[in-house]
Each structure stands twice: as C-alpha cells, then as structure tokens.
Amino acid sequence: MDIRDFTMDLFSLAGRNAVVTGGNTGLGQAFTLALAKAGADVFVPSVVRDDGSTRALVEDEGRRYESLEVDITAPGAPARIVADCVGRLGSLDILVNSAGVCPLAEVLEFGREKWDATVAVNLTAAFEMAYEAAKVMVPQGHGKIINICSLFSYLGGRWSSAYAATKHGLAGFTKAYCDELAEHGIQVNGIAPGYY
C-alpha cells in the first residue's frame, strides 16, 4: 500500500457532508478541495458565484458539489444554508466557517460602516452558522466545526483593526463552543493561517 493511500485512509471523510462558507475562492476553495479529496461531499454557500472551477475540482475527486449563492449576513441565511445542505446532501457533519473580509484603512479612515460590515461577516455570520449547525449536530451526536481564524487572532495589525478584533473574537468563540459542545461529540477547532 502506498503511504499516501494509508494517510488518506486515516483521514477519510467518506460518507460525510461538509459546508464551507466562502468555499469558491482563495483558502475557502482550498478547504473545499481538501474535504473532497478526503471523501466528503461539499455544500458551498457563497456570495461569489462559482465560475465552474470549484465544481470541477470537487467532481474530479468523484465527490458531489452543491452550492447556494447567498449573502451569509442576510437575516435567516444561516438557517437556510443548513436546511439546504441537509435537504440536498442528507446530513451535515462538518462546518468550515471560511467566509471573511479584511477591509484595510488607517484608524481615522475606518468608520462604523466598515466596522459593522466586517463584524457581520467575520464574527456574527460565523456564530450564526455554528449555532445552526450545532442544532443539527447535537441530536446526531457528532460533528466538526472549524472556524478559520488568523494570525490576527493573536496579533494586532496595521490598517486592519476590525479584522483583528473579529479574529480575536472568533478565537474566543471557538474556545467557548469547544468547551460546551464536546459533551455532545462535536469537535470545535480554530485554524489560524499565516500569510499566503
């Protein structure tokens, strides 16, 4: 047996279904592909319409790709996303909160409108997605919630006060959900990618 096959068997997600917010571009697309390579079917809600490349990457792995063009900050969107995933794929086993924005501006140029928009995507939508996913995962007794934090979860950063604040908040939220949901068989982790 090839060592790569052995490794993939250890991390097999065969029979699992995942939601990856923002999964059509950047790191989100990489997470979508990684899940498909591991055997999961993937549901991608995104404000960015798939140009066909994400679907092709997933289907080339022999996995199923479903998508929903949606603004995850819209009222009711997270509940709709979870319901659509379960309706189309049959279950929700993994949530990757990957959607995020990072508007750059100096402190005196960064007003309330930019602040609120950043908090809405990076923190509030992640909370609402995790909350809706947990409502499905707790009764089934298993699940994974992966929040994409950042180095800015632990550092400050010039021109990115709202981004740093939301990523600090997301790291704290991740720890709290981890403590609370573990007893239900749900693993909650944060990943803090560096610069890419």
N, C-alpha and C. Protein backbone atom coordinates (compact mmCIF):
# COMPACT_ATOMS: atom_id res chain seq x y z
N MET A 1 0.85 -1.18 0.00
CA MET A 1 0.00 0.00 0.00
C MET A 1 0.89 1.24 0.00
N ASP A 2 0.58 2.18 -0.85
CA ASP A 2 1.29 3.46 -0.91
C ASP A 2 1.02 4.26 0.36
N ILE A 3 2.04 4.93 0.88
CA ILE A 3 1.90 5.70 2.12
C ILE A 3 0.83 6.78 1.99
N ARG A 4 0.67 7.35 0.78
CA ARG A 4 -0.36 8.38 0.58
C ARG A 4 -1.76 7.79 0.75
N ASP A 5 -1.95 6.56 0.25
CA ASP A 5 -3.24 5.90 0.43
C ASP A 5 -3.51 5.62 1.90
N PHE A 6 -2.48 5.17 2.60
CA PHE A 6 -2.60 4.89 4.03
C PHE A 6 -2.97 6.16 4.80
N THR A 7 -2.29 7.25 4.48
CA THR A 7 -2.56 8.52 5.15
C THR A 7 -3.98 8.99 4.87
N MET A 8 -4.42 8.89 3.62
CA MET A 8 -5.78 9.32 3.29
C MET A 8 -6.82 8.44 3.99
N ASP A 9 -6.51 7.14 4.16
CA ASP A 9 -7.43 6.27 4.90
C ASP A 9 -7.57 6.73 6.35
N LEU A 10 -6.47 7.17 6.95
CA LEU A 10 -6.52 7.66 8.33
C LEU A 10 -7.42 8.87 8.47
N PHE A 11 -7.46 9.69 7.43
CA PHE A 11 -8.22 10.93 7.47
C PHE A 11 -9.45 10.88 6.56
N SER A 12 -9.94 9.69 6.30
CA SER A 12 -11.07 9.54 5.40
C SER A 12 -12.33 10.23 5.92
N LEU A 13 -12.97 10.95 5.02
CA LEU A 13 -14.26 11.58 5.31
C LEU A 13 -15.37 10.98 4.45
N ALA A 14 -15.15 9.76 3.99
CA ALA A 14 -16.14 9.08 3.16
C ALA A 14 -17.47 9.02 3.90
N GLY A 15 -18.53 9.37 3.19
CA GLY A 15 -19.87 9.35 3.77
C GLY A 15 -20.22 10.58 4.58
N ARG A 16 -19.32 11.56 4.62
CA ARG A 16 -19.56 12.79 5.38
C ARG A 16 -19.93 13.93 4.44
N ASN A 17 -20.68 14.87 4.97
CA ASN A 17 -21.09 16.05 4.20
C ASN A 17 -20.63 17.31 4.92
N ALA A 18 -20.08 18.24 4.14
CA ALA A 18 -19.49 19.45 4.71
C ALA A 18 -20.07 20.70 4.08
N VAL A 19 -20.18 21.75 4.89
CA VAL A 19 -20.47 23.10 4.41
C VAL A 19 -19.20 23.91 4.56
N VAL A 20 -18.81 24.61 3.49
CA VAL A 20 -17.66 25.51 3.53
C VAL A 20 -18.15 26.89 3.10
N THR A 21 -18.30 27.81 4.06
CA THR A 21 -18.72 29.16 3.69
C THR A 21 -17.57 29.84 2.96
N GLY A 22 -17.90 30.58 1.92
CA GLY A 22 -16.85 31.24 1.13
C GLY A 22 -15.95 30.24 0.43
N GLY A 23 -16.49 29.08 0.10
CA GLY A 23 -15.69 27.98 -0.41
C GLY A 23 -15.39 27.99 -1.89
N ASN A 24 -15.71 29.08 -2.59
CA ASN A 24 -15.45 29.13 -4.03
C ASN A 24 -14.18 29.89 -4.41
N THR A 25 -13.53 30.53 -3.44
CA THR A 25 -12.34 31.33 -3.76
C THR A 25 -11.29 31.18 -2.66
N GLY A 26 -10.05 31.48 -3.00
CA GLY A 26 -8.96 31.57 -2.04
C GLY A 26 -8.80 30.35 -1.16
N LEU A 27 -8.54 30.60 0.12
CA LEU A 27 -8.39 29.50 1.07
C LEU A 27 -9.66 28.66 1.16
N GLY A 28 -10.81 29.29 1.06
CA GLY A 28 -12.06 28.55 1.11
C GLY A 28 -12.13 27.48 0.03
N GLN A 29 -11.70 27.82 -1.16
CA GLN A 29 -11.69 26.84 -2.25
C GLN A 29 -10.71 25.71 -1.94
N ALA A 30 -9.57 26.05 -1.33
CA ALA A 30 -8.60 25.01 -0.95
C ALA A 30 -9.19 24.07 0.10
N PHE A 31 -9.94 24.62 1.05
CA PHE A 31 -10.60 23.77 2.05
C PHE A 31 -11.64 22.87 1.39
N THR A 32 -12.40 23.43 0.45
CA THR A 32 -13.40 22.65 -0.27
C THR A 32 -12.75 21.47 -0.98
N LEU A 33 -11.65 21.73 -1.68
CA LEU A 33 -10.95 20.67 -2.40
C LEU A 33 -10.37 19.64 -1.44
N ALA A 34 -9.79 20.08 -0.33
CA ALA A 34 -9.21 19.15 0.64
C ALA A 34 -10.27 18.20 1.20
N LEU A 35 -11.44 18.74 1.50
CA LEU A 35 -12.53 17.90 2.01
C LEU A 35 -12.96 16.88 0.95
N ALA A 36 -13.05 17.32 -0.30
CA ALA A 36 -13.42 16.40 -1.38
C ALA A 36 -12.37 15.32 -1.57
N LYS A 37 -11.10 15.70 -1.51
CA LYS A 37 -10.02 14.71 -1.64
C LYS A 37 -10.08 13.67 -0.53
N ALA A 38 -10.55 14.09 0.64
CA ALA A 38 -10.67 13.16 1.77
C ALA A 38 -11.96 12.34 1.71
N GLY A 39 -12.82 12.61 0.73
CA GLY A 39 -14.01 11.79 0.52
C GLY A 39 -15.34 12.41 0.88
N ALA A 40 -15.35 13.67 1.30
CA ALA A 40 -16.60 14.32 1.68
C ALA A 40 -17.31 14.93 0.48
N ASP A 41 -18.63 14.96 0.53
CA ASP A 41 -19.40 15.77 -0.41
C ASP A 41 -19.49 17.17 0.20
N VAL A 42 -19.55 18.19 -0.66
CA VAL A 42 -19.39 19.56 -0.18
C VAL A 42 -20.52 20.46 -0.66
N PHE A 43 -21.03 21.27 0.27
CA PHE A 43 -22.05 22.28 0.01
C PHE A 43 -21.39 23.64 0.25
N VAL A 44 -21.41 24.50 -0.77
CA VAL A 44 -20.72 25.79 -0.69
C VAL A 44 -21.70 26.95 -0.82
N PRO A 45 -22.02 27.61 0.30
CA PRO A 45 -22.77 28.87 0.23
C PRO A 45 -21.76 30.01 0.08
N SER A 46 -22.00 30.87 -0.88
CA SER A 46 -21.04 31.95 -1.10
C SER A 46 -21.71 33.11 -1.81
N VAL A 47 -21.26 34.30 -1.49
CA VAL A 47 -21.73 35.49 -2.20
C VAL A 47 -21.09 35.55 -3.59
N VAL A 48 -19.98 34.82 -3.74
CA VAL A 48 -19.26 34.75 -5.02
C VAL A 48 -19.75 33.53 -5.79
N ARG A 49 -20.33 33.76 -6.93
CA ARG A 49 -20.82 32.66 -7.75
C ARG A 49 -19.65 31.81 -8.26
N ASP A 50 -19.81 30.50 -8.20
CA ASP A 50 -18.78 29.60 -8.71
C ASP A 50 -18.70 29.74 -10.22
N ASP A 51 -17.50 29.96 -10.72
CA ASP A 51 -17.29 30.07 -12.16
C ASP A 51 -17.18 28.69 -12.81
N GLY A 52 -17.43 27.67 -12.05
CA GLY A 52 -17.34 26.29 -12.55
C GLY A 52 -16.07 25.60 -12.09
N SER A 53 -15.09 26.37 -11.65
CA SER A 53 -13.81 25.77 -11.28
C SER A 53 -13.91 24.96 -9.98
N THR A 54 -14.66 25.44 -9.01
CA THR A 54 -14.78 24.71 -7.75
C THR A 54 -15.55 23.42 -7.97
N ARG A 55 -16.65 23.51 -8.70
CA ARG A 55 -17.42 22.30 -9.03
C ARG A 55 -16.53 21.27 -9.72
N ALA A 56 -15.74 21.73 -10.69
CA ALA A 56 -14.87 20.81 -11.43
C ALA A 56 -13.84 20.15 -10.51
N LEU A 57 -13.25 20.93 -9.61
CA LEU A 57 -12.26 20.38 -8.68
C LEU A 57 -12.87 19.29 -7.80
N VAL A 58 -14.06 19.55 -7.29
CA VAL A 58 -14.73 18.59 -6.41
C VAL A 58 -15.17 17.36 -7.20
N GLU A 59 -15.78 17.57 -8.34
CA GLU A 59 -16.27 16.44 -9.13
C GLU A 59 -15.13 15.61 -9.71
N ASP A 60 -13.98 16.23 -9.96
CA ASP A 60 -12.80 15.47 -10.41
C ASP A 60 -12.33 14.49 -9.33
N GLU A 61 -12.68 14.77 -8.09
CA GLU A 61 -12.35 13.85 -6.99
C GLU A 61 -13.44 12.79 -6.80
N GLY A 62 -14.47 12.84 -7.67
CA GLY A 62 -15.56 11.87 -7.56
C GLY A 62 -16.56 12.20 -6.46
N ARG A 63 -16.55 13.44 -6.02
CA ARG A 63 -17.43 13.85 -4.94
C ARG A 63 -18.54 14.76 -5.46
N ARG A 64 -19.54 14.93 -4.67
CA ARG A 64 -20.70 15.76 -5.04
C ARG A 64 -20.48 17.20 -4.57
N TYR A 65 -20.84 18.14 -5.43
CA TYR A 65 -20.73 19.57 -5.13
C TYR A 65 -22.10 20.20 -5.26
N GLU A 66 -22.53 20.88 -4.21
CA GLU A 66 -23.77 21.65 -4.23
C GLU A 66 -23.42 23.07 -3.81
N SER A 67 -24.14 24.04 -4.34
CA SER A 67 -23.83 25.43 -3.99
C SER A 67 -25.11 26.23 -3.82
N LEU A 68 -24.94 27.36 -3.16
CA LEU A 68 -26.04 28.29 -2.96
C LEU A 68 -25.44 29.68 -2.97
N GLU A 69 -25.89 30.49 -3.92
CA GLU A 69 -25.43 31.88 -3.96
C GLU A 69 -26.25 32.66 -2.94
N VAL A 70 -25.57 33.12 -1.88
CA VAL A 70 -26.28 33.74 -0.75
C VAL A 70 -25.32 34.65 0.02
N ASP A 71 -25.87 35.69 0.58
CA ASP A 71 -25.13 36.56 1.49
C ASP A 71 -25.34 35.99 2.89
N ILE A 72 -24.30 35.44 3.50
CA ILE A 72 -24.47 34.78 4.79
C ILE A 72 -24.82 35.74 5.92
N THR A 73 -24.71 37.04 5.65
CA THR A 73 -25.09 38.02 6.68
C THR A 73 -26.57 38.39 6.61
N ALA A 74 -27.26 37.93 5.59
CA ALA A 74 -28.69 38.25 5.44
C ALA A 74 -29.50 37.54 6.53
N PRO A 75 -30.55 38.19 7.04
CA PRO A 75 -31.38 37.55 8.06
C PRO A 75 -31.91 36.20 7.58
N GLY A 76 -31.73 35.19 8.40
CA GLY A 76 -32.22 33.85 8.08
C GLY A 76 -31.32 33.04 7.18
N ALA A 77 -30.27 33.63 6.61
CA ALA A 77 -29.42 32.91 5.67
C ALA A 77 -28.75 31.69 6.30
N PRO A 78 -28.14 31.78 7.48
CA PRO A 78 -27.51 30.58 8.05
C PRO A 78 -28.48 29.41 8.24
N ALA A 79 -29.68 29.67 8.71
CA ALA A 79 -30.67 28.59 8.88
C ALA A 79 -31.02 27.98 7.52
N ARG A 80 -31.16 28.83 6.51
CA ARG A 80 -31.48 28.34 5.16
C ARG A 80 -30.33 27.50 4.61
N ILE A 81 -29.09 27.94 4.84
CA ILE A 81 -27.93 27.20 4.35
C ILE A 81 -27.89 25.80 4.96
N VAL A 82 -28.05 25.72 6.26
CA VAL A 82 -28.01 24.41 6.93
C VAL A 82 -29.16 23.53 6.45
N ALA A 83 -30.35 24.09 6.35
CA ALA A 83 -31.50 23.31 5.87
C ALA A 83 -31.29 22.84 4.44
N ASP A 84 -30.74 23.70 3.58
CA ASP A 84 -30.48 23.31 2.19
C ASP A 84 -29.44 22.20 2.12
N CYS A 85 -28.39 22.30 2.92
CA CYS A 85 -27.37 21.26 2.94
C CYS A 85 -27.97 19.92 3.33
N VAL A 86 -28.70 19.91 4.43
CA VAL A 86 -29.32 18.66 4.89
C VAL A 86 -30.32 18.15 3.86
N GLY A 87 -31.08 19.06 3.26
CA GLY A 87 -32.06 18.66 2.25
C GLY A 87 -31.43 18.08 1.00
N ARG A 88 -30.34 18.65 0.57
CA ARG A 88 -29.70 18.19 -0.68
C ARG A 88 -28.74 17.02 -0.47
N LEU A 89 -27.97 17.06 0.63
CA LEU A 89 -26.95 16.02 0.83
C LEU A 89 -27.36 14.96 1.84
N GLY A 90 -28.36 15.25 2.66
CA GLY A 90 -28.85 14.25 3.60
C GLY A 90 -28.39 14.43 5.04
N SER A 91 -27.30 15.17 5.24
CA SER A 91 -26.82 15.41 6.60
C SER A 91 -25.84 16.58 6.57
N LEU A 92 -25.45 17.01 7.76
CA LEU A 92 -24.38 18.00 7.92
C LEU A 92 -23.46 17.46 9.00
N ASP A 93 -22.23 17.12 8.61
CA ASP A 93 -21.26 16.55 9.53
C ASP A 93 -20.12 17.50 9.85
N ILE A 94 -19.82 18.41 8.92
CA ILE A 94 -18.67 19.30 9.06
C ILE A 94 -19.07 20.70 8.61
N LEU A 95 -18.72 21.69 9.42
CA LEU A 95 -18.88 23.09 9.02
C LEU A 95 -17.51 23.75 9.05
N VAL A 96 -17.15 24.39 7.94
CA VAL A 96 -15.94 25.21 7.90
C VAL A 96 -16.38 26.65 7.70
N ASN A 97 -16.20 27.47 8.73
CA ASN A 97 -16.51 28.89 8.65
C ASN A 97 -15.31 29.61 8.04
N SER A 98 -15.33 29.71 6.71
CA SER A 98 -14.20 30.27 5.98
C SER A 98 -14.47 31.66 5.42
N ALA A 99 -15.71 32.04 5.27
CA ALA A 99 -16.02 33.35 4.69
C ALA A 99 -15.43 34.45 5.56
N GLY A 100 -14.84 35.43 4.92
CA GLY A 100 -14.27 36.54 5.68
C GLY A 100 -13.93 37.71 4.79
N VAL A 101 -13.86 38.87 5.41
CA VAL A 101 -13.46 40.09 4.71
C VAL A 101 -12.40 40.80 5.54
N CYS A 102 -11.54 41.56 4.85
CA CYS A 102 -10.48 42.29 5.53
C CYS A 102 -10.29 43.65 4.87
N PRO A 103 -11.21 44.58 5.12
CA PRO A 103 -11.03 45.92 4.56
C PRO A 103 -9.87 46.62 5.26
N LEU A 104 -9.04 47.27 4.47
CA LEU A 104 -7.86 47.94 5.01
C LEU A 104 -8.05 49.44 4.99
N ALA A 105 -7.78 50.07 6.12
CA ALA A 105 -7.84 51.53 6.21
C ALA A 105 -7.16 51.96 7.50
N GLU A 106 -6.59 53.14 7.48
CA GLU A 106 -6.00 53.69 8.69
C GLU A 106 -7.11 53.97 9.70
N VAL A 107 -6.73 54.05 10.96
CA VAL A 107 -7.69 54.20 12.05
C VAL A 107 -8.69 55.33 11.80
N LEU A 108 -8.21 56.49 11.40
CA LEU A 108 -9.11 57.64 11.23
C LEU A 108 -9.95 57.56 9.96
N GLU A 109 -9.66 56.59 9.11
CA GLU A 109 -10.43 56.39 7.88
C GLU A 109 -11.40 55.21 8.01
N PHE A 110 -11.33 54.52 9.13
CA PHE A 110 -12.11 53.30 9.30
C PHE A 110 -13.32 53.60 10.18
N GLY A 111 -14.43 53.92 9.55
CA GLY A 111 -15.64 54.32 10.28
C GLY A 111 -16.52 53.15 10.65
N ARG A 112 -17.65 53.48 11.22
CA ARG A 112 -18.59 52.50 11.74
C ARG A 112 -19.14 51.57 10.65
N GLU A 113 -19.36 52.10 9.46
CA GLU A 113 -19.92 51.27 8.38
C GLU A 113 -19.00 50.10 8.04
N LYS A 114 -17.70 50.38 7.89
CA LYS A 114 -16.74 49.31 7.60
C LYS A 114 -16.63 48.35 8.78
N TRP A 115 -16.65 48.93 9.99
CA TRP A 115 -16.57 48.09 11.19
C TRP A 115 -17.73 47.11 11.22
N ASP A 116 -18.95 47.61 11.07
CA ASP A 116 -20.14 46.76 11.14
C ASP A 116 -20.14 45.68 10.06
N ALA A 117 -19.71 46.05 8.86
CA ALA A 117 -19.67 45.08 7.76
C ALA A 117 -18.68 43.96 8.05
N THR A 118 -17.54 44.30 8.63
CA THR A 118 -16.52 43.30 8.96
C THR A 118 -17.01 42.38 10.07
N VAL A 119 -17.59 42.95 11.11
CA VAL A 119 -18.13 42.15 12.22
C VAL A 119 -19.24 41.22 11.71
N ALA A 120 -20.07 41.72 10.81
CA ALA A 120 -21.19 40.91 10.30
C ALA A 120 -20.71 39.64 9.62
N VAL A 121 -19.68 39.75 8.79
CA VAL A 121 -19.19 38.57 8.06
C VAL A 121 -18.30 37.71 8.94
N ASN A 122 -17.29 38.32 9.55
CA ASN A 122 -16.24 37.55 10.21
C ASN A 122 -16.64 36.96 11.56
N LEU A 123 -17.57 37.59 12.23
CA LEU A 123 -17.91 37.13 13.58
C LEU A 123 -19.38 36.71 13.71
N THR A 124 -20.30 37.60 13.36
CA THR A 124 -21.71 37.28 13.55
C THR A 124 -22.16 36.13 12.66
N ALA A 125 -21.77 36.14 11.38
CA ALA A 125 -22.16 35.04 10.48
C ALA A 125 -21.53 33.72 10.92
N ALA A 126 -20.28 33.77 11.39
CA ALA A 126 -19.64 32.55 11.88
C ALA A 126 -20.40 31.99 13.09
N PHE A 127 -20.80 32.88 14.00
CA PHE A 127 -21.60 32.45 15.15
C PHE A 127 -22.92 31.83 14.68
N GLU A 128 -23.63 32.53 13.80
CA GLU A 128 -24.94 32.03 13.36
C GLU A 128 -24.82 30.71 12.62
N MET A 129 -23.77 30.55 11.80
CA MET A 129 -23.57 29.28 11.10
C MET A 129 -23.29 28.16 12.10
N ALA A 130 -22.42 28.43 13.07
CA ALA A 130 -22.10 27.41 14.07
C ALA A 130 -23.33 27.06 14.91
N TYR A 131 -24.10 28.05 15.25
CA TYR A 131 -25.32 27.84 16.04
C TYR A 131 -26.31 26.95 15.28
N GLU A 132 -26.54 27.27 14.00
CA GLU A 132 -27.48 26.47 13.20
C GLU A 132 -26.93 25.07 12.96
N ALA A 133 -25.63 24.95 12.74
CA ALA A 133 -25.02 23.63 12.55
C ALA A 133 -25.14 22.80 13.83
N ALA A 134 -24.90 23.43 14.98
CA ALA A 134 -24.99 22.71 16.25
C ALA A 134 -26.39 22.17 16.49
N LYS A 135 -27.41 22.89 16.03
CA LYS A 135 -28.79 22.42 16.20
C LYS A 135 -29.03 21.11 15.45
N VAL A 136 -28.24 20.85 14.40
CA VAL A 136 -28.32 19.59 13.67
C VAL A 136 -27.37 18.56 14.29
N MET A 137 -26.18 19.00 14.67
CA MET A 137 -25.14 18.08 15.14
C MET A 137 -25.41 17.52 16.53
N VAL A 138 -25.95 18.31 17.44
CA VAL A 138 -26.20 17.82 18.81
C VAL A 138 -27.12 16.60 18.80
N PRO A 139 -28.28 16.64 18.12
CA PRO A 139 -29.14 15.45 18.11
C PRO A 139 -28.49 14.23 17.45
N GLN A 140 -27.62 14.45 16.45
CA GLN A 140 -26.99 13.30 15.79
C GLN A 140 -25.78 12.78 16.56
N GLY A 141 -25.31 13.55 17.54
CA GLY A 141 -24.23 13.08 18.42
C GLY A 141 -22.84 13.16 17.86
N HIS A 142 -22.66 13.88 16.77
CA HIS A 142 -21.31 14.06 16.22
C HIS A 142 -21.29 15.27 15.30
N GLY A 143 -20.09 15.74 15.04
CA GLY A 143 -19.90 16.84 14.10
C GLY A 143 -18.57 17.53 14.32
N LYS A 144 -18.18 18.30 13.34
CA LYS A 144 -16.95 19.10 13.40
C LYS A 144 -17.30 20.51 12.96
N ILE A 145 -16.86 21.48 13.75
CA ILE A 145 -16.98 22.88 13.38
C ILE A 145 -15.57 23.45 13.36
N ILE A 146 -15.16 23.96 12.22
CA ILE A 146 -13.81 24.50 12.06
C ILE A 146 -13.94 25.98 11.70
N ASN A 147 -13.48 26.82 12.60
CA ASN A 147 -13.50 28.27 12.37
C ASN A 147 -12.14 28.72 11.85
N ILE A 148 -12.16 29.44 10.74
CA ILE A 148 -10.90 29.93 10.18
C ILE A 148 -10.58 31.26 10.84
N CYS A 149 -9.67 31.16 11.78
CA CYS A 149 -9.21 32.34 12.50
C CYS A 149 -8.09 32.98 11.67
N SER A 150 -7.05 33.45 12.30
CA SER A 150 -5.98 34.14 11.59
C SER A 150 -4.84 34.39 12.56
N LEU A 151 -3.65 34.67 12.02
CA LEU A 151 -2.58 35.17 12.89
C LEU A 151 -3.05 36.41 13.62
N PHE A 152 -3.97 37.16 13.00
CA PHE A 152 -4.51 38.36 13.62
C PHE A 152 -5.42 38.02 14.81
N SER A 153 -5.70 36.73 15.02
CA SER A 153 -6.41 36.32 16.23
C SER A 153 -5.52 36.50 17.46
N TYR A 154 -4.22 36.61 17.22
CA TYR A 154 -3.25 36.67 18.31
C TYR A 154 -2.37 37.91 18.24
N LEU A 155 -2.41 38.61 17.13
CA LEU A 155 -1.60 39.80 16.92
C LEU A 155 -2.51 40.98 16.59
N GLY A 156 -1.98 42.14 16.64
CA GLY A 156 -2.69 43.30 16.09
C GLY A 156 -2.36 43.38 14.61
N GLY A 157 -2.52 44.52 14.03
CA GLY A 157 -2.17 44.68 12.63
C GLY A 157 -2.51 46.07 12.15
N ARG A 158 -1.60 46.66 11.44
CA ARG A 158 -1.85 47.99 10.91
C ARG A 158 -2.94 47.94 9.85
N TRP A 159 -3.78 48.95 9.83
CA TRP A 159 -4.84 49.14 8.84
C TRP A 159 -5.92 48.06 8.88
N SER A 160 -5.97 47.30 9.95
CA SER A 160 -6.94 46.20 9.99
C SER A 160 -7.52 46.00 11.39
N SER A 161 -7.91 47.08 12.03
CA SER A 161 -8.40 46.98 13.41
C SER A 161 -9.65 46.10 13.52
N ALA A 162 -10.59 46.25 12.62
CA ALA A 162 -11.82 45.45 12.69
C ALA A 162 -11.53 43.98 12.40
N TYR A 163 -10.66 43.71 11.44
CA TYR A 163 -10.29 42.33 11.13
C TYR A 163 -9.65 41.67 12.35
N ALA A 164 -8.67 42.37 12.96
CA ALA A 164 -8.01 41.82 14.14
C ALA A 164 -9.02 41.59 15.27
N ALA A 165 -9.91 42.53 15.48
CA ALA A 165 -10.91 42.40 16.55
C ALA A 165 -11.83 41.20 16.30
N THR A 166 -12.28 41.04 15.06
CA THR A 166 -13.19 39.93 14.77
C THR A 166 -12.48 38.59 14.87
N LYS A 167 -11.23 38.53 14.45
CA LYS A 167 -10.50 37.26 14.53
C LYS A 167 -10.13 36.92 15.97
N HIS A 168 -9.84 37.93 16.81
CA HIS A 168 -9.68 37.68 18.25
C HIS A 168 -10.99 37.11 18.80
N GLY A 169 -12.10 37.74 18.44
CA GLY A 169 -13.41 37.28 18.90
C GLY A 169 -13.72 35.87 18.45
N LEU A 170 -13.37 35.55 17.21
CA LEU A 170 -13.64 34.22 16.67
C LEU A 170 -12.83 33.16 17.43
N ALA A 171 -11.60 33.49 17.79
CA ALA A 171 -10.79 32.54 18.57
C ALA A 171 -11.43 32.29 19.93
N GLY A 172 -11.91 33.33 20.58
CA GLY A 172 -12.57 33.16 21.87
C GLY A 172 -13.87 32.38 21.76
N PHE A 173 -14.64 32.70 20.73
CA PHE A 173 -15.89 31.99 20.47
C PHE A 173 -15.62 30.50 20.24
N THR A 174 -14.56 30.20 19.49
CA THR A 174 -14.19 28.81 19.20
C THR A 174 -13.91 28.05 20.50
N LYS A 175 -13.15 28.66 21.39
CA LYS A 175 -12.83 28.01 22.67
C LYS A 175 -14.09 27.74 23.48
N ALA A 176 -15.00 28.71 23.52
CA ALA A 176 -16.24 28.54 24.28
C ALA A 176 -17.10 27.43 23.70
N TYR A 177 -17.28 27.41 22.37
CA TYR A 177 -18.08 26.36 21.75
C TYR A 177 -17.42 24.99 21.93
N CYS A 178 -16.09 24.96 21.88
CA CYS A 178 -15.35 23.72 22.09
C CYS A 178 -15.68 23.14 23.46
N ASP A 179 -15.61 23.98 24.48
CA ASP A 179 -15.90 23.52 25.84
C ASP A 179 -17.34 23.03 25.98
N GLU A 180 -18.26 23.73 25.35
CA GLU A 180 -19.67 23.43 25.55
C GLU A 180 -20.17 22.26 24.71
N LEU A 181 -19.64 22.10 23.50
CA LEU A 181 -20.18 21.08 22.60
C LEU A 181 -19.46 19.74 22.67
N ALA A 182 -18.32 19.68 23.35
CA ALA A 182 -17.55 18.43 23.43
C ALA A 182 -18.39 17.28 23.99
N GLU A 183 -19.19 17.56 24.99
CA GLU A 183 -20.00 16.51 25.62
C GLU A 183 -21.05 15.93 24.66
N HIS A 184 -21.28 16.60 23.55
CA HIS A 184 -22.24 16.11 22.55
C HIS A 184 -21.55 15.43 21.37
N GLY A 185 -20.24 15.20 21.49
CA GLY A 185 -19.50 14.54 20.42
C GLY A 185 -19.14 15.47 19.27
N ILE A 186 -19.17 16.76 19.53
CA ILE A 186 -18.86 17.74 18.49
C ILE A 186 -17.52 18.38 18.80
N GLN A 187 -16.63 18.31 17.83
CA GLN A 187 -15.30 18.89 17.96
C GLN A 187 -15.30 20.26 17.31
N VAL A 188 -14.82 21.27 18.03
CA VAL A 188 -14.76 22.63 17.51
C VAL A 188 -13.31 23.10 17.57
N ASN A 189 -12.78 23.48 16.41
CA ASN A 189 -11.39 23.91 16.31
C ASN A 189 -11.29 25.22 15.56
N GLY A 190 -10.21 25.92 15.81
CA GLY A 190 -9.87 27.10 15.03
C GLY A 190 -8.54 26.87 14.35
N ILE A 191 -8.43 27.32 13.13
CA ILE A 191 -7.18 27.26 12.38
C ILE A 191 -6.78 28.69 12.10
N ALA A 192 -5.51 29.00 12.34
CA ALA A 192 -5.02 30.37 12.16
C ALA A 192 -3.96 30.40 11.06
N PRO A 193 -4.39 30.48 9.79
CA PRO A 193 -3.42 30.51 8.70
C PRO A 193 -2.58 31.79 8.76
N GLY A 194 -1.36 31.67 8.26
CA GLY A 194 -0.50 32.84 8.14
C GLY A 194 -0.67 33.47 6.78
N TYR A 195 0.31 34.21 6.37
CA TYR A 195 0.25 34.88 5.08
C TYR A 195 0.44 33.85 3.97
N TYR A 196 -0.28 34.04 2.89
CA TYR A 196 -0.15 33.12 1.75
C TYR A 196 -0.15 33.88 0.46
